[in-house]
Amino acid sequence: MELKTLDAPGYENKKVPNTFVVQPKSTGHLGIILPGYRHSADMADLHYVGRILMGQGADLLRVEYRYYETDYLSQSENDQNQRISEDVFAVCNACLALRPYNKITLIGKSLGTRGMGFLLGDERYQKADCVWSTPPLTTEWLRVRIEQVRPRSLFIFGTADDYYKPEILQHLVQVTNGRAVVIEGATHGLEVPESIPRSLQGLGQIVQGLQEFLGSG
């Protein structure tokens, strides 16, 4: 494997941190990981999805924005959306400019699922397989984007997550002909409070769901 950093000026012309993992042999499959606000691409769930994709021969782009080190939370919602949209498009487009890919897999955690929503507005990404980990189901524009594009999807949630809305989730699973992994008692961070064994069981559910979803695509 070869590790690269793509030159990708994004919001306010600041370079977007990233790691691009390139297979030794040319591949037509690209995986893109868009992490959460504090849930980095090194967290166990995102680490393992990267391992699965690389094991399948895909190149892997890890977008590593660190908004918690910026004034992100003090910005208006419009400015936040502009920021993540510009950053995500900058680095993803820089990646697509290097090689032609006939298959894209998008993986987003929480904030990263908003980035996925913006990408799905571009036809180059609309046939992507999508892993939606704890998306904000109360965000109307994101729900509408998923309903319109209907990408092949896997949704991951914990039942103790404030964003977990069973009826909305069931609807989105139906319209995308998708799947869902729901972890009983898990919070937004996909851990079960005060129970390491149950948290590890939940991680096992996630990895199994990812293997089945990504392996059947």
N, C-alpha and C. Protein backbone atom coordinates (compact mmCIF):
# COMPACT_ATOMS: atom_id res chain seq x y z
N MET A 1 0.83 -1.20 0.00
CA MET A 1 0.00 0.00 0.00
C MET A 1 0.87 1.25 0.00
N GLU A 2 0.43 2.26 -0.70
CA GLU A 2 1.12 3.55 -0.71
C GLU A 2 0.22 4.60 -0.07
N LEU A 3 0.76 5.39 0.84
CA LEU A 3 0.01 6.45 1.50
C LEU A 3 0.37 7.79 0.89
N LYS A 4 -0.67 8.56 0.54
CA LYS A 4 -0.47 9.88 -0.04
C LYS A 4 -1.34 10.90 0.70
N THR A 5 -0.99 12.16 0.55
CA THR A 5 -1.85 13.25 0.98
C THR A 5 -2.19 14.07 -0.25
N LEU A 6 -3.47 14.20 -0.55
CA LEU A 6 -3.90 14.95 -1.73
C LEU A 6 -3.89 16.44 -1.43
N ASP A 7 -3.47 17.21 -2.41
CA ASP A 7 -3.49 18.68 -2.30
C ASP A 7 -4.89 19.14 -2.65
N ALA A 8 -5.66 19.51 -1.62
CA ALA A 8 -7.09 19.82 -1.82
C ALA A 8 -7.48 21.06 -1.05
N PRO A 9 -7.32 22.24 -1.64
CA PRO A 9 -7.79 23.47 -0.97
C PRO A 9 -9.32 23.50 -0.92
N GLY A 10 -9.86 23.66 0.27
CA GLY A 10 -11.31 23.67 0.44
C GLY A 10 -11.82 25.00 0.94
N TYR A 11 -12.60 24.97 1.99
CA TYR A 11 -13.23 26.17 2.57
C TYR A 11 -12.17 27.20 2.92
N GLU A 12 -12.42 28.43 2.48
CA GLU A 12 -11.49 29.55 2.68
C GLU A 12 -10.09 29.23 2.19
N ASN A 13 -10.02 28.37 1.18
CA ASN A 13 -8.77 27.99 0.51
C ASN A 13 -7.80 27.27 1.44
N LYS A 14 -8.32 26.69 2.53
CA LYS A 14 -7.46 25.94 3.44
C LYS A 14 -7.44 24.47 3.01
N LYS A 15 -6.26 23.88 3.06
CA LYS A 15 -6.13 22.50 2.62
C LYS A 15 -6.87 21.55 3.55
N VAL A 16 -7.55 20.60 2.96
CA VAL A 16 -8.34 19.63 3.72
C VAL A 16 -7.43 18.45 4.08
N PRO A 17 -7.24 18.17 5.38
CA PRO A 17 -6.41 17.03 5.77
C PRO A 17 -7.00 15.72 5.25
N ASN A 18 -6.16 14.85 4.78
CA ASN A 18 -6.63 13.58 4.24
C ASN A 18 -5.49 12.58 4.16
N THR A 19 -5.87 11.32 4.06
CA THR A 19 -4.92 10.25 3.75
C THR A 19 -5.52 9.41 2.63
N PHE A 20 -4.75 9.23 1.56
CA PHE A 20 -5.18 8.45 0.41
C PHE A 20 -4.34 7.18 0.36
N VAL A 21 -5.00 6.05 0.55
CA VAL A 21 -4.31 4.76 0.57
C VAL A 21 -4.50 4.10 -0.79
N VAL A 22 -3.40 3.90 -1.49
CA VAL A 22 -3.45 3.42 -2.88
C VAL A 22 -2.99 1.96 -2.95
N GLN A 23 -3.78 1.15 -3.62
CA GLN A 23 -3.43 -0.26 -3.81
C GLN A 23 -2.22 -0.38 -4.74
N PRO A 24 -1.42 -1.45 -4.56
CA PRO A 24 -0.27 -1.64 -5.45
C PRO A 24 -0.66 -1.88 -6.90
N LYS A 25 -1.86 -2.44 -7.10
CA LYS A 25 -2.36 -2.65 -8.45
C LYS A 25 -3.53 -1.70 -8.70
N SER A 26 -3.67 -1.26 -9.93
CA SER A 26 -4.75 -0.34 -10.29
C SER A 26 -6.11 -1.00 -9.99
N THR A 27 -7.03 -0.20 -9.45
CA THR A 27 -8.35 -0.70 -9.09
C THR A 27 -9.43 0.26 -9.57
N GLY A 28 -10.61 -0.28 -9.81
CA GLY A 28 -11.73 0.56 -10.21
C GLY A 28 -12.65 0.91 -9.06
N HIS A 29 -12.26 0.56 -7.82
CA HIS A 29 -13.11 0.76 -6.66
C HIS A 29 -12.47 1.75 -5.71
N LEU A 30 -13.23 2.75 -5.29
CA LEU A 30 -12.77 3.76 -4.35
C LEU A 30 -13.69 3.81 -3.14
N GLY A 31 -13.13 3.69 -1.96
CA GLY A 31 -13.88 3.90 -0.72
C GLY A 31 -13.55 5.27 -0.16
N ILE A 32 -14.56 5.98 0.31
CA ILE A 32 -14.38 7.32 0.87
C ILE A 32 -14.98 7.35 2.27
N ILE A 33 -14.15 7.66 3.28
CA ILE A 33 -14.61 7.73 4.66
C ILE A 33 -14.71 9.19 5.08
N LEU A 34 -15.91 9.58 5.50
CA LEU A 34 -16.18 10.94 5.99
C LEU A 34 -16.55 10.83 7.47
N PRO A 35 -15.63 11.16 8.38
CA PRO A 35 -15.84 10.93 9.80
C PRO A 35 -16.80 11.93 10.43
N GLY A 36 -17.00 11.77 11.73
CA GLY A 36 -17.86 12.67 12.48
C GLY A 36 -17.09 13.86 13.01
N TYR A 37 -17.77 14.63 13.85
CA TYR A 37 -17.16 15.85 14.40
C TYR A 37 -15.95 15.49 15.27
N ARG A 38 -16.13 14.57 16.20
CA ARG A 38 -15.01 14.07 17.00
C ARG A 38 -14.76 12.57 16.80
N HIS A 39 -15.54 11.96 15.93
CA HIS A 39 -15.46 10.53 15.67
C HIS A 39 -14.58 10.34 14.44
N SER A 40 -13.27 10.19 14.67
CA SER A 40 -12.31 10.21 13.57
C SER A 40 -12.32 8.90 12.78
N ALA A 41 -11.60 8.90 11.67
CA ALA A 41 -11.49 7.70 10.84
C ALA A 41 -10.68 6.60 11.53
N ASP A 42 -10.05 6.92 12.67
CA ASP A 42 -9.32 5.91 13.43
C ASP A 42 -10.20 5.19 14.45
N MET A 43 -11.43 5.65 14.67
CA MET A 43 -12.33 4.96 15.58
C MET A 43 -12.62 3.56 15.02
N ALA A 44 -12.93 2.64 15.94
CA ALA A 44 -12.96 1.22 15.56
C ALA A 44 -13.88 0.93 14.38
N ASP A 45 -15.11 1.48 14.39
CA ASP A 45 -16.06 1.16 13.32
C ASP A 45 -15.54 1.62 11.96
N LEU A 46 -14.98 2.83 11.90
CA LEU A 46 -14.48 3.35 10.63
C LEU A 46 -13.16 2.69 10.24
N HIS A 47 -12.36 2.35 11.25
CA HIS A 47 -11.11 1.62 10.97
C HIS A 47 -11.42 0.29 10.27
N TYR A 48 -12.40 -0.44 10.81
CA TYR A 48 -12.69 -1.75 10.25
C TYR A 48 -13.36 -1.68 8.88
N VAL A 49 -14.18 -0.67 8.65
CA VAL A 49 -14.75 -0.57 7.30
C VAL A 49 -13.65 -0.28 6.29
N GLY A 50 -12.64 0.51 6.70
CA GLY A 50 -11.50 0.73 5.82
C GLY A 50 -10.75 -0.56 5.55
N ARG A 51 -10.57 -1.38 6.60
CA ARG A 51 -9.88 -2.66 6.44
C ARG A 51 -10.64 -3.56 5.47
N ILE A 52 -11.97 -3.58 5.61
CA ILE A 52 -12.78 -4.42 4.73
C ILE A 52 -12.62 -3.99 3.28
N LEU A 53 -12.73 -2.68 3.04
CA LEU A 53 -12.64 -2.18 1.67
C LEU A 53 -11.26 -2.43 1.06
N MET A 54 -10.21 -2.18 1.84
CA MET A 54 -8.87 -2.43 1.31
C MET A 54 -8.66 -3.91 1.05
N GLY A 55 -9.24 -4.76 1.91
CA GLY A 55 -9.16 -6.19 1.69
C GLY A 55 -9.86 -6.63 0.42
N GLN A 56 -10.83 -5.85 -0.03
CA GLN A 56 -11.53 -6.13 -1.28
C GLN A 56 -10.83 -5.52 -2.48
N GLY A 57 -9.68 -4.86 -2.24
CA GLY A 57 -8.90 -4.31 -3.34
C GLY A 57 -9.19 -2.87 -3.68
N ALA A 58 -9.94 -2.16 -2.82
CA ALA A 58 -10.29 -0.77 -3.11
C ALA A 58 -9.19 0.19 -2.66
N ASP A 59 -9.02 1.27 -3.38
CA ASP A 59 -8.29 2.42 -2.85
C ASP A 59 -9.16 3.05 -1.76
N LEU A 60 -8.52 3.75 -0.81
CA LEU A 60 -9.27 4.30 0.31
C LEU A 60 -8.87 5.75 0.57
N LEU A 61 -9.87 6.62 0.54
CA LEU A 61 -9.67 8.03 0.88
C LEU A 61 -10.26 8.30 2.25
N ARG A 62 -9.41 8.70 3.19
CA ARG A 62 -9.85 9.07 4.53
C ARG A 62 -9.81 10.59 4.64
N VAL A 63 -10.97 11.20 4.70
CA VAL A 63 -11.05 12.66 4.87
C VAL A 63 -10.91 12.94 6.36
N GLU A 64 -10.00 13.84 6.74
CA GLU A 64 -9.63 13.98 8.15
C GLU A 64 -9.79 15.41 8.66
N TYR A 65 -10.88 16.05 8.24
CA TYR A 65 -11.16 17.39 8.77
C TYR A 65 -11.25 17.32 10.29
N ARG A 66 -10.75 18.33 10.95
CA ARG A 66 -10.78 18.37 12.42
C ARG A 66 -11.49 19.66 12.84
N TYR A 67 -12.80 19.66 12.65
CA TYR A 67 -13.57 20.88 12.89
C TYR A 67 -13.61 21.27 14.36
N TYR A 68 -13.36 20.30 15.25
CA TYR A 68 -13.35 20.64 16.68
C TYR A 68 -12.18 21.56 17.04
N GLU A 69 -11.22 21.71 16.13
CA GLU A 69 -10.11 22.63 16.35
C GLU A 69 -10.37 24.00 15.73
N THR A 70 -11.57 24.20 15.19
CA THR A 70 -11.91 25.44 14.49
C THR A 70 -13.13 26.09 15.16
N ASP A 71 -13.63 27.14 14.52
CA ASP A 71 -14.83 27.84 15.01
C ASP A 71 -16.11 27.26 14.43
N TYR A 72 -16.07 26.01 13.99
CA TYR A 72 -17.19 25.39 13.28
C TYR A 72 -18.51 25.52 14.04
N LEU A 73 -18.51 25.20 15.31
CA LEU A 73 -19.77 25.17 16.07
C LEU A 73 -20.36 26.55 16.27
N SER A 74 -19.56 27.59 16.16
CA SER A 74 -20.07 28.96 16.33
C SER A 74 -20.61 29.53 15.03
N GLN A 75 -20.46 28.80 13.93
CA GLN A 75 -20.95 29.27 12.64
C GLN A 75 -22.45 28.99 12.50
N SER A 76 -23.09 29.73 11.60
CA SER A 76 -24.49 29.47 11.29
C SER A 76 -24.60 28.13 10.57
N GLU A 77 -25.81 27.56 10.55
CA GLU A 77 -26.01 26.28 9.86
C GLU A 77 -25.64 26.38 8.39
N ASN A 78 -25.98 27.50 7.75
CA ASN A 78 -25.63 27.69 6.34
C ASN A 78 -24.13 27.69 6.13
N ASP A 79 -23.41 28.37 7.03
CA ASP A 79 -21.95 28.42 6.90
C ASP A 79 -21.33 27.05 7.19
N GLN A 80 -21.89 26.33 8.16
CA GLN A 80 -21.41 24.98 8.43
C GLN A 80 -21.59 24.09 7.20
N ASN A 81 -22.77 24.18 6.57
CA ASN A 81 -23.03 23.37 5.38
C ASN A 81 -22.10 23.74 4.25
N GLN A 82 -21.86 25.03 4.08
CA GLN A 82 -20.94 25.46 3.02
C GLN A 82 -19.54 24.94 3.29
N ARG A 83 -19.14 24.98 4.54
CA ARG A 83 -17.80 24.54 4.91
C ARG A 83 -17.58 23.06 4.60
N ILE A 84 -18.49 22.22 5.10
CA ILE A 84 -18.30 20.79 4.87
C ILE A 84 -18.48 20.44 3.40
N SER A 85 -19.40 21.10 2.71
CA SER A 85 -19.59 20.83 1.29
C SER A 85 -18.34 21.16 0.49
N GLU A 86 -17.78 22.34 0.71
CA GLU A 86 -16.59 22.74 -0.03
C GLU A 86 -15.41 21.83 0.30
N ASP A 87 -15.25 21.49 1.57
CA ASP A 87 -14.13 20.63 1.96
C ASP A 87 -14.25 19.23 1.36
N VAL A 88 -15.44 18.65 1.46
CA VAL A 88 -15.63 17.29 0.98
C VAL A 88 -15.49 17.22 -0.54
N PHE A 89 -16.09 18.15 -1.25
CA PHE A 89 -15.95 18.14 -2.71
C PHE A 89 -14.50 18.37 -3.13
N ALA A 90 -13.78 19.24 -2.42
CA ALA A 90 -12.40 19.54 -2.80
C ALA A 90 -11.54 18.28 -2.76
N VAL A 91 -11.61 17.54 -1.67
CA VAL A 91 -10.74 16.38 -1.55
C VAL A 91 -11.23 15.19 -2.37
N CYS A 92 -12.55 14.99 -2.44
CA CYS A 92 -13.07 13.88 -3.24
C CYS A 92 -12.84 14.10 -4.73
N ASN A 93 -13.03 15.33 -5.19
CA ASN A 93 -12.79 15.62 -6.60
C ASN A 93 -11.32 15.50 -6.95
N ALA A 94 -10.43 15.88 -6.01
CA ALA A 94 -9.00 15.72 -6.24
C ALA A 94 -8.65 14.24 -6.40
N CYS A 95 -9.33 13.40 -5.65
CA CYS A 95 -9.10 11.97 -5.75
C CYS A 95 -9.59 11.42 -7.09
N LEU A 96 -10.80 11.82 -7.49
CA LEU A 96 -11.34 11.33 -8.76
C LEU A 96 -10.53 11.80 -9.96
N ALA A 97 -9.80 12.90 -9.80
CA ALA A 97 -8.99 13.42 -10.90
C ALA A 97 -7.74 12.57 -11.14
N LEU A 98 -7.38 11.73 -10.17
CA LEU A 98 -6.16 10.93 -10.30
C LEU A 98 -6.37 9.66 -11.10
N ARG A 99 -7.52 9.02 -10.89
CA ARG A 99 -7.80 7.73 -11.52
C ARG A 99 -9.27 7.65 -11.87
N PRO A 100 -9.61 6.88 -12.90
CA PRO A 100 -11.03 6.61 -13.15
C PRO A 100 -11.50 5.48 -12.25
N TYR A 101 -12.64 5.67 -11.61
CA TYR A 101 -13.23 4.62 -10.77
C TYR A 101 -14.62 4.31 -11.28
N ASN A 102 -14.93 3.02 -11.39
CA ASN A 102 -16.28 2.63 -11.82
C ASN A 102 -17.17 2.23 -10.65
N LYS A 103 -16.59 2.21 -9.44
CA LYS A 103 -17.37 1.90 -8.24
C LYS A 103 -16.89 2.77 -7.10
N ILE A 104 -17.84 3.41 -6.40
CA ILE A 104 -17.53 4.25 -5.25
C ILE A 104 -18.36 3.78 -4.06
N THR A 105 -17.74 3.67 -2.91
CA THR A 105 -18.44 3.39 -1.67
C THR A 105 -18.23 4.57 -0.73
N LEU A 106 -19.32 5.15 -0.28
CA LEU A 106 -19.28 6.29 0.64
C LEU A 106 -19.63 5.81 2.04
N ILE A 107 -18.81 6.19 3.01
CA ILE A 107 -19.07 5.87 4.41
C ILE A 107 -19.03 7.16 5.21
N GLY A 108 -20.11 7.47 5.90
CA GLY A 108 -20.15 8.69 6.70
C GLY A 108 -20.61 8.41 8.11
N LYS A 109 -20.02 9.12 9.07
CA LYS A 109 -20.45 9.02 10.47
C LYS A 109 -21.00 10.37 10.91
N SER A 110 -22.29 10.43 11.21
CA SER A 110 -22.92 11.63 11.76
C SER A 110 -22.69 12.84 10.86
N LEU A 111 -21.83 13.77 11.26
CA LEU A 111 -21.52 14.94 10.43
C LEU A 111 -21.12 14.53 9.02
N GLY A 112 -20.37 13.44 8.92
CA GLY A 112 -19.93 12.97 7.61
C GLY A 112 -21.07 12.56 6.69
N THR A 113 -22.22 12.17 7.27
CA THR A 113 -23.36 11.80 6.42
C THR A 113 -23.94 13.03 5.73
N ARG A 114 -23.76 14.20 6.33
CA ARG A 114 -24.16 15.43 5.64
C ARG A 114 -23.28 15.65 4.42
N GLY A 115 -21.99 15.37 4.59
CA GLY A 115 -21.09 15.44 3.43
C GLY A 115 -21.51 14.48 2.34
N MET A 116 -21.95 13.27 2.74
CA MET A 116 -22.47 12.32 1.76
C MET A 116 -23.67 12.88 1.02
N GLY A 117 -24.55 13.54 1.77
CA GLY A 117 -25.73 14.13 1.15
C GLY A 117 -25.38 15.14 0.08
N PHE A 118 -24.37 15.96 0.36
CA PHE A 118 -23.94 16.94 -0.64
C PHE A 118 -23.35 16.24 -1.87
N LEU A 119 -22.54 15.21 -1.65
CA LEU A 119 -21.95 14.49 -2.77
C LEU A 119 -23.02 13.85 -3.65
N LEU A 120 -24.10 13.35 -3.04
CA LEU A 120 -25.14 12.69 -3.82
C LEU A 120 -25.92 13.65 -4.70
N GLY A 121 -25.71 14.95 -4.51
CA GLY A 121 -26.29 15.92 -5.44
C GLY A 121 -25.54 15.99 -6.75
N ASP A 122 -24.39 15.33 -6.83
CA ASP A 122 -23.54 15.30 -8.02
C ASP A 122 -23.68 13.92 -8.66
N GLU A 123 -23.98 13.88 -9.95
CA GLU A 123 -24.27 12.60 -10.61
C GLU A 123 -23.10 11.62 -10.56
N ARG A 124 -21.88 12.13 -10.39
CA ARG A 124 -20.72 11.23 -10.33
C ARG A 124 -20.76 10.32 -9.11
N TYR A 125 -21.49 10.73 -8.08
CA TYR A 125 -21.54 9.97 -6.83
C TYR A 125 -22.87 9.26 -6.62
N GLN A 126 -23.82 9.43 -7.52
CA GLN A 126 -25.18 8.97 -7.26
C GLN A 126 -25.36 7.47 -7.37
N LYS A 127 -24.39 6.76 -7.94
CA LYS A 127 -24.48 5.30 -7.99
C LYS A 127 -23.65 4.64 -6.90
N ALA A 128 -23.16 5.45 -5.98
CA ALA A 128 -22.33 4.92 -4.90
C ALA A 128 -23.12 4.04 -3.95
N ASP A 129 -22.47 3.02 -3.39
CA ASP A 129 -23.00 2.32 -2.24
C ASP A 129 -22.77 3.21 -1.03
N CYS A 130 -23.74 3.29 -0.12
CA CYS A 130 -23.66 4.25 0.98
C CYS A 130 -23.84 3.58 2.33
N VAL A 131 -22.92 3.87 3.24
CA VAL A 131 -23.03 3.45 4.63
C VAL A 131 -23.30 4.70 5.46
N TRP A 132 -24.50 4.76 6.03
CA TRP A 132 -24.94 5.92 6.81
C TRP A 132 -24.88 5.56 8.30
N SER A 133 -23.84 6.02 8.97
CA SER A 133 -23.69 5.71 10.38
C SER A 133 -24.18 6.88 11.24
N THR A 134 -25.24 6.66 11.99
CA THR A 134 -25.88 7.65 12.86
C THR A 134 -26.17 8.97 12.15
N PRO A 135 -26.83 8.94 10.99
CA PRO A 135 -27.16 10.20 10.30
C PRO A 135 -28.22 10.98 11.07
N PRO A 136 -28.23 12.31 10.95
CA PRO A 136 -29.26 13.11 11.62
C PRO A 136 -30.59 13.01 10.87
N LEU A 137 -31.39 12.04 11.23
CA LEU A 137 -32.64 11.79 10.51
C LEU A 137 -33.65 12.92 10.66
N THR A 138 -33.40 13.84 11.59
CA THR A 138 -34.29 14.99 11.75
C THR A 138 -33.95 16.11 10.76
N THR A 139 -32.89 15.95 9.97
CA THR A 139 -32.49 16.96 8.98
C THR A 139 -33.25 16.70 7.68
N GLU A 140 -34.19 17.56 7.37
CA GLU A 140 -35.12 17.29 6.27
C GLU A 140 -34.42 17.19 4.93
N TRP A 141 -33.52 18.11 4.62
CA TRP A 141 -32.91 18.10 3.28
C TRP A 141 -32.13 16.81 3.05
N LEU A 142 -31.54 16.26 4.12
CA LEU A 142 -30.78 15.02 3.96
C LEU A 142 -31.73 13.85 3.70
N ARG A 143 -32.84 13.80 4.43
CA ARG A 143 -33.84 12.75 4.17
C ARG A 143 -34.33 12.83 2.74
N VAL A 144 -34.64 14.03 2.28
CA VAL A 144 -35.15 14.21 0.92
C VAL A 144 -34.12 13.77 -0.11
N ARG A 145 -32.85 14.10 0.13
CA ARG A 145 -31.79 13.69 -0.81
C ARG A 145 -31.71 12.18 -0.91
N ILE A 146 -31.81 11.49 0.21
CA ILE A 146 -31.76 10.03 0.19
C ILE A 146 -32.98 9.48 -0.54
N GLU A 147 -34.16 10.06 -0.30
CA GLU A 147 -35.39 9.62 -0.97
C GLU A 147 -35.31 9.83 -2.47
N GLN A 148 -34.68 10.92 -2.90
CA GLN A 148 -34.60 11.23 -4.32
C GLN A 148 -33.60 10.34 -5.05
N VAL A 149 -32.42 10.16 -4.46
CA VAL A 149 -31.35 9.40 -5.13
C VAL A 149 -31.52 7.90 -4.92
N ARG A 150 -31.99 7.51 -3.77
CA ARG A 150 -32.21 6.11 -3.43
C ARG A 150 -30.97 5.24 -3.63
N PRO A 151 -29.84 5.63 -3.04
CA PRO A 151 -28.63 4.82 -3.20
C PRO A 151 -28.74 3.52 -2.43
N ARG A 152 -28.06 2.52 -2.89
CA ARG A 152 -27.98 1.27 -2.13
C ARG A 152 -27.35 1.60 -0.78
N SER A 153 -28.04 1.26 0.33
CA SER A 153 -27.66 1.83 1.61
C SER A 153 -27.66 0.83 2.76
N LEU A 154 -26.74 1.07 3.70
CA LEU A 154 -26.73 0.43 5.00
C LEU A 154 -26.78 1.54 6.05
N PHE A 155 -27.71 1.43 6.99
CA PHE A 155 -27.85 2.41 8.06
C PHE A 155 -27.41 1.77 9.38
N ILE A 156 -26.67 2.53 10.19
CA ILE A 156 -26.17 2.04 11.47
C ILE A 156 -26.62 2.99 12.58
N PHE A 157 -27.25 2.43 13.63
CA PHE A 157 -27.77 3.25 14.72
C PHE A 157 -27.70 2.51 16.04
N GLY A 158 -27.70 3.30 17.12
CA GLY A 158 -27.96 2.79 18.45
C GLY A 158 -29.31 3.29 18.91
N THR A 159 -30.01 2.49 19.70
CA THR A 159 -31.36 2.88 20.10
C THR A 159 -31.37 4.03 21.11
N ALA A 160 -30.23 4.33 21.74
CA ALA A 160 -30.15 5.43 22.69
C ALA A 160 -29.61 6.71 22.06
N ASP A 161 -29.53 6.73 20.75
CA ASP A 161 -29.09 7.91 20.00
C ASP A 161 -30.29 8.84 19.79
N ASP A 162 -30.13 10.12 20.09
CA ASP A 162 -31.22 11.08 19.90
C ASP A 162 -31.67 11.16 18.44
N TYR A 163 -30.78 10.82 17.51
CA TYR A 163 -31.12 10.86 16.09
C TYR A 163 -31.87 9.61 15.63
N TYR A 164 -31.95 8.62 16.48
CA TYR A 164 -32.62 7.38 16.11
C TYR A 164 -34.12 7.58 16.09
N LYS A 165 -34.71 7.52 14.92
CA LYS A 165 -36.15 7.67 14.72
C LYS A 165 -36.62 6.44 13.95
N PRO A 166 -37.15 5.43 14.64
CA PRO A 166 -37.44 4.14 14.00
C PRO A 166 -38.32 4.24 12.76
N GLU A 167 -39.35 5.09 12.79
CA GLU A 167 -40.25 5.17 11.64
C GLU A 167 -39.54 5.77 10.43
N ILE A 168 -38.74 6.82 10.65
CA ILE A 168 -37.99 7.42 9.54
C ILE A 168 -36.97 6.43 9.01
N LEU A 169 -36.28 5.75 9.93
CA LEU A 169 -35.28 4.77 9.51
C LEU A 169 -35.91 3.67 8.67
N GLN A 170 -37.03 3.14 9.13
CA GLN A 170 -37.70 2.08 8.37
C GLN A 170 -38.09 2.55 6.98
N HIS A 171 -38.57 3.80 6.89
CA HIS A 171 -38.95 4.36 5.59
C HIS A 171 -37.75 4.44 4.66
N LEU A 172 -36.61 4.93 5.17
CA LEU A 172 -35.42 5.08 4.32
C LEU A 172 -34.85 3.73 3.92
N VAL A 173 -34.93 2.75 4.81
CA VAL A 173 -34.50 1.40 4.44
C VAL A 173 -35.36 0.88 3.29
N GLN A 174 -36.65 1.15 3.36
CA GLN A 174 -37.57 0.67 2.32
C GLN A 174 -37.30 1.36 0.98
N VAL A 175 -37.15 2.70 0.98
CA VAL A 175 -37.01 3.41 -0.29
C VAL A 175 -35.66 3.13 -0.95
N THR A 176 -34.65 2.76 -0.16
CA THR A 176 -33.34 2.46 -0.74
C THR A 176 -33.14 0.96 -0.96
N ASN A 177 -34.17 0.17 -0.59
CA ASN A 177 -34.03 -1.29 -0.60
C ASN A 177 -32.79 -1.68 0.19
N GLY A 178 -32.63 -1.02 1.34
CA GLY A 178 -31.40 -1.14 2.09
C GLY A 178 -31.48 -2.06 3.29
N ARG A 179 -30.54 -1.86 4.19
CA ARG A 179 -30.43 -2.68 5.40
C ARG A 179 -30.15 -1.75 6.58
N ALA A 180 -30.30 -2.30 7.78
CA ALA A 180 -30.01 -1.52 8.98
C ALA A 180 -29.37 -2.42 10.03
N VAL A 181 -28.40 -1.85 10.73
CA VAL A 181 -27.84 -2.46 11.94
C VAL A 181 -28.24 -1.56 13.10
N VAL A 182 -29.01 -2.09 14.03
CA VAL A 182 -29.49 -1.32 15.17
C VAL A 182 -28.97 -1.98 16.45
N ILE A 183 -28.22 -1.21 17.23
CA ILE A 183 -27.58 -1.74 18.43
C ILE A 183 -28.37 -1.30 19.66
N GLU A 184 -28.91 -2.24 20.37
CA GLU A 184 -29.74 -1.95 21.53
C GLU A 184 -28.91 -1.26 22.62
N GLY A 185 -29.38 -0.07 23.04
CA GLY A 185 -28.76 0.64 24.13
C GLY A 185 -27.56 1.50 23.77
N ALA A 186 -27.15 1.48 22.51
CA ALA A 186 -25.96 2.24 22.11
C ALA A 186 -26.32 3.71 21.89
N THR A 187 -25.39 4.58 22.27
CA THR A 187 -25.56 6.02 22.12
C THR A 187 -25.08 6.46 20.74
N HIS A 188 -25.01 7.79 20.56
CA HIS A 188 -24.57 8.34 19.28
C HIS A 188 -23.13 7.92 18.95
N GLY A 189 -22.34 7.66 19.98
CA GLY A 189 -20.97 7.20 19.76
C GLY A 189 -20.86 5.71 19.49
N LEU A 190 -22.02 5.02 19.38
CA LEU A 190 -22.09 3.60 19.08
C LEU A 190 -21.48 2.74 20.18
N GLU A 191 -21.55 3.24 21.41
CA GLU A 191 -21.14 2.46 22.57
C GLU A 191 -22.30 2.37 23.55
N VAL A 192 -22.33 1.28 24.31
CA VAL A 192 -23.33 1.11 25.35
C VAL A 192 -22.73 1.60 26.66
N PRO A 193 -23.29 2.65 27.26
CA PRO A 193 -22.69 3.23 28.46
C PRO A 193 -22.49 2.19 29.57
N GLU A 194 -21.30 2.26 30.16
CA GLU A 194 -20.96 1.45 31.33
C GLU A 194 -20.99 -0.06 31.05
N SER A 195 -20.89 -0.44 29.80
CA SER A 195 -20.85 -1.87 29.48
C SER A 195 -19.89 -2.12 28.32
N ILE A 196 -18.65 -2.43 28.66
CA ILE A 196 -17.68 -2.74 27.61
C ILE A 196 -18.08 -4.00 26.83
N PRO A 197 -18.51 -5.08 27.49
CA PRO A 197 -18.91 -6.26 26.71
C PRO A 197 -20.01 -5.98 25.70
N ARG A 198 -21.04 -5.23 26.11
CA ARG A 198 -22.13 -4.92 25.18
C ARG A 198 -21.65 -3.99 24.06
N SER A 199 -20.74 -3.09 24.39
CA SER A 199 -20.18 -2.21 23.36
C SER A 199 -19.40 -3.02 22.33
N LEU A 200 -18.64 -4.00 22.80
CA LEU A 200 -17.89 -4.85 21.87
C LEU A 200 -18.82 -5.73 21.05
N GLN A 201 -19.91 -6.19 21.67
CA GLN A 201 -20.90 -6.94 20.90
C GLN A 201 -21.50 -6.07 19.81
N GLY A 202 -21.77 -4.80 20.15
CA GLY A 202 -22.29 -3.87 19.16
C GLY A 202 -21.32 -3.65 18.02
N LEU A 203 -20.04 -3.52 18.35
CA LEU A 203 -19.03 -3.38 17.29
C LEU A 203 -19.02 -4.62 16.40
N GLY A 204 -19.18 -5.78 17.02
CA GLY A 204 -19.25 -7.00 16.22
C GLY A 204 -20.44 -7.00 15.28
N GLN A 205 -21.59 -6.48 15.74
CA GLN A 205 -22.76 -6.37 14.87
C GLN A 205 -22.46 -5.45 13.68
N ILE A 206 -21.79 -4.34 13.97
CA ILE A 206 -21.46 -3.39 12.91
C ILE A 206 -20.55 -4.03 11.87
N VAL A 207 -19.49 -4.68 12.33
CA VAL A 207 -18.53 -5.29 11.40
C VAL A 207 -19.21 -6.37 10.57
N GLN A 208 -20.04 -7.20 11.21
CA GLN A 208 -20.75 -8.23 10.45
C GLN A 208 -21.67 -7.61 9.41
N GLY A 209 -22.39 -6.55 9.81
CA GLY A 209 -23.28 -5.87 8.86
C GLY A 209 -22.51 -5.27 7.70
N LEU A 210 -21.36 -4.68 7.99
CA LEU A 210 -20.52 -4.10 6.94
C LEU A 210 -20.01 -5.17 5.99
N GLN A 211 -19.55 -6.29 6.53
CA GLN A 211 -19.04 -7.36 5.68
C GLN A 211 -20.12 -7.90 4.76
N GLU A 212 -21.32 -8.07 5.30
CA GLU A 212 -22.42 -8.60 4.48
C GLU A 212 -22.83 -7.60 3.41
N PHE A 213 -22.94 -6.33 3.80
CA PHE A 213 -23.38 -5.29 2.87
C PHE A 213 -22.34 -5.06 1.76
N LEU A 214 -21.09 -4.88 2.17
CA LEU A 214 -20.04 -4.59 1.19
C LEU A 214 -19.69 -5.81 0.36
N GLY A 215 -19.88 -6.99 0.94
CA GLY A 215 -19.56 -8.20 0.21
C GLY A 215 -20.60 -8.60 -0.82
N SER A 216 -21.82 -8.05 -0.67
CA SER A 216 -22.90 -8.43 -1.59
C SER A 216 -23.13 -7.37 -2.66
N GLY A 217 -22.33 -6.31 -2.66
CA GLY A 217 -22.56 -5.21 -3.61
C GLY A 217 -22.04 -5.55 -4.99
